[in-house]
Amino acid sequence: MSVKRRNHSPEFKFRTALEAAKEQKTISQLSSELNIHPNQISTWKKKLLEDGKILFQSNGKHELQTTQEKVIL
């Protein structure tokens, strides 16, 4: 029997990555609480820290939409 792949909302990914970035809890603790593999949380955290600067650019909204369109295509 195959296991159904879980899909997480962007809001959930953001909140989880933000919590990991705060470093009030370890990634292992978050992983246990949320039942998500630690590597997945680390990936989301890394993406947040690398791409978060786009939000504060003068044309951040446009850049973010362009990035999302590239991902979709």
Protein backbone atom coordinates (compact mmCIF):
# COMPACT_ATOMS: atom_id res chain seq x y z
CA MET A 1 0.00 0.00 0.00
CA SER A 2 1.40 3.37 -0.97
CA VAL A 3 1.65 6.30 1.41
CA LYS A 4 -0.15 9.46 0.35
CA ARG A 5 2.17 12.42 -0.01
CA ARG A 6 1.33 15.31 2.32
CA ASN A 7 0.96 18.82 0.94
CA HIS A 8 1.55 21.72 3.29
CA SER A 9 0.17 25.20 2.75
CA PRO A 10 2.56 28.09 2.17
CA GLU A 11 1.37 29.62 5.46
CA PHE A 12 2.26 26.46 7.36
CA LYS A 13 5.70 26.31 5.72
CA PHE A 14 6.33 29.97 6.54
CA ARG A 15 5.28 29.62 10.18
CA THR A 16 7.39 26.50 10.59
CA ALA A 17 10.44 28.09 8.95
CA LEU A 18 10.02 31.23 11.02
CA GLU A 19 9.80 29.20 14.22
CA ALA A 20 12.97 27.36 13.22
CA ALA A 21 14.72 30.66 12.43
CA LYS A 22 13.82 32.02 15.88
CA GLU A 23 15.82 29.12 17.34
CA GLN A 24 13.74 29.01 20.52
CA LYS A 25 13.25 25.30 19.87
CA THR A 26 15.58 22.92 18.10
CA ILE A 27 14.70 21.58 14.69
CA SER A 28 14.39 18.14 16.31
CA GLN A 29 11.81 19.48 18.75
CA LEU A 30 9.81 21.14 15.97
CA SER A 31 10.06 17.97 13.92
CA SER A 32 8.61 15.89 16.72
CA GLU A 33 5.81 18.37 17.46
CA LEU A 34 4.76 18.81 13.83
CA ASN A 35 5.52 15.28 12.62
CA ILE A 36 7.72 16.58 9.78
CA HIS A 37 11.17 15.33 8.85
CA PRO A 38 13.95 17.60 10.20
CA ASN A 39 15.51 17.94 6.74
CA GLN A 40 12.26 19.42 5.44
CA ILE A 41 12.20 22.04 8.20
CA SER A 42 15.86 22.88 7.51
CA THR A 43 15.08 23.31 3.80
CA TRP A 44 12.18 25.66 4.53
CA LYS A 45 14.30 27.64 6.99
CA LYS A 46 17.14 27.98 4.48
CA LYS A 47 14.72 29.18 1.78
CA LEU A 48 13.19 31.72 4.17
CA LEU A 49 16.57 33.13 5.14
CA GLU A 50 17.84 33.28 1.54
CA ASP A 51 14.72 34.57 -0.21
CA GLY A 52 13.21 36.66 2.60
CA LYS A 53 15.19 39.72 1.53
CA ILE A 54 13.02 39.95 -1.60
CA LEU A 55 10.10 41.11 0.53
CA PHE A 56 11.96 44.23 1.63
CA GLN A 57 13.12 45.38 -1.78
CA SER A 58 11.35 48.33 -3.36
CA ASN A 59 9.80 46.09 -5.98
CA GLY A 60 9.56 43.04 -3.75
CA LYS A 61 5.99 42.24 -4.66
CA HIS A 62 6.85 42.09 -8.34
CA GLU A 63 9.97 40.00 -7.69
CA LEU A 64 8.03 37.58 -5.51
CA GLN A 65 5.33 37.12 -8.15
CA THR A 66 7.97 36.57 -10.83
CA THR A 67 9.69 33.97 -8.67
CA GLN A 68 6.41 32.17 -8.01
CA GLU A 69 5.56 32.19 -11.72
CA LYS A 70 8.92 30.56 -12.51
CA VAL A 71 8.24 27.84 -9.97
CA ILE A 72 4.79 27.16 -11.44
CA LEU A 73 6.12 26.94 -15.01
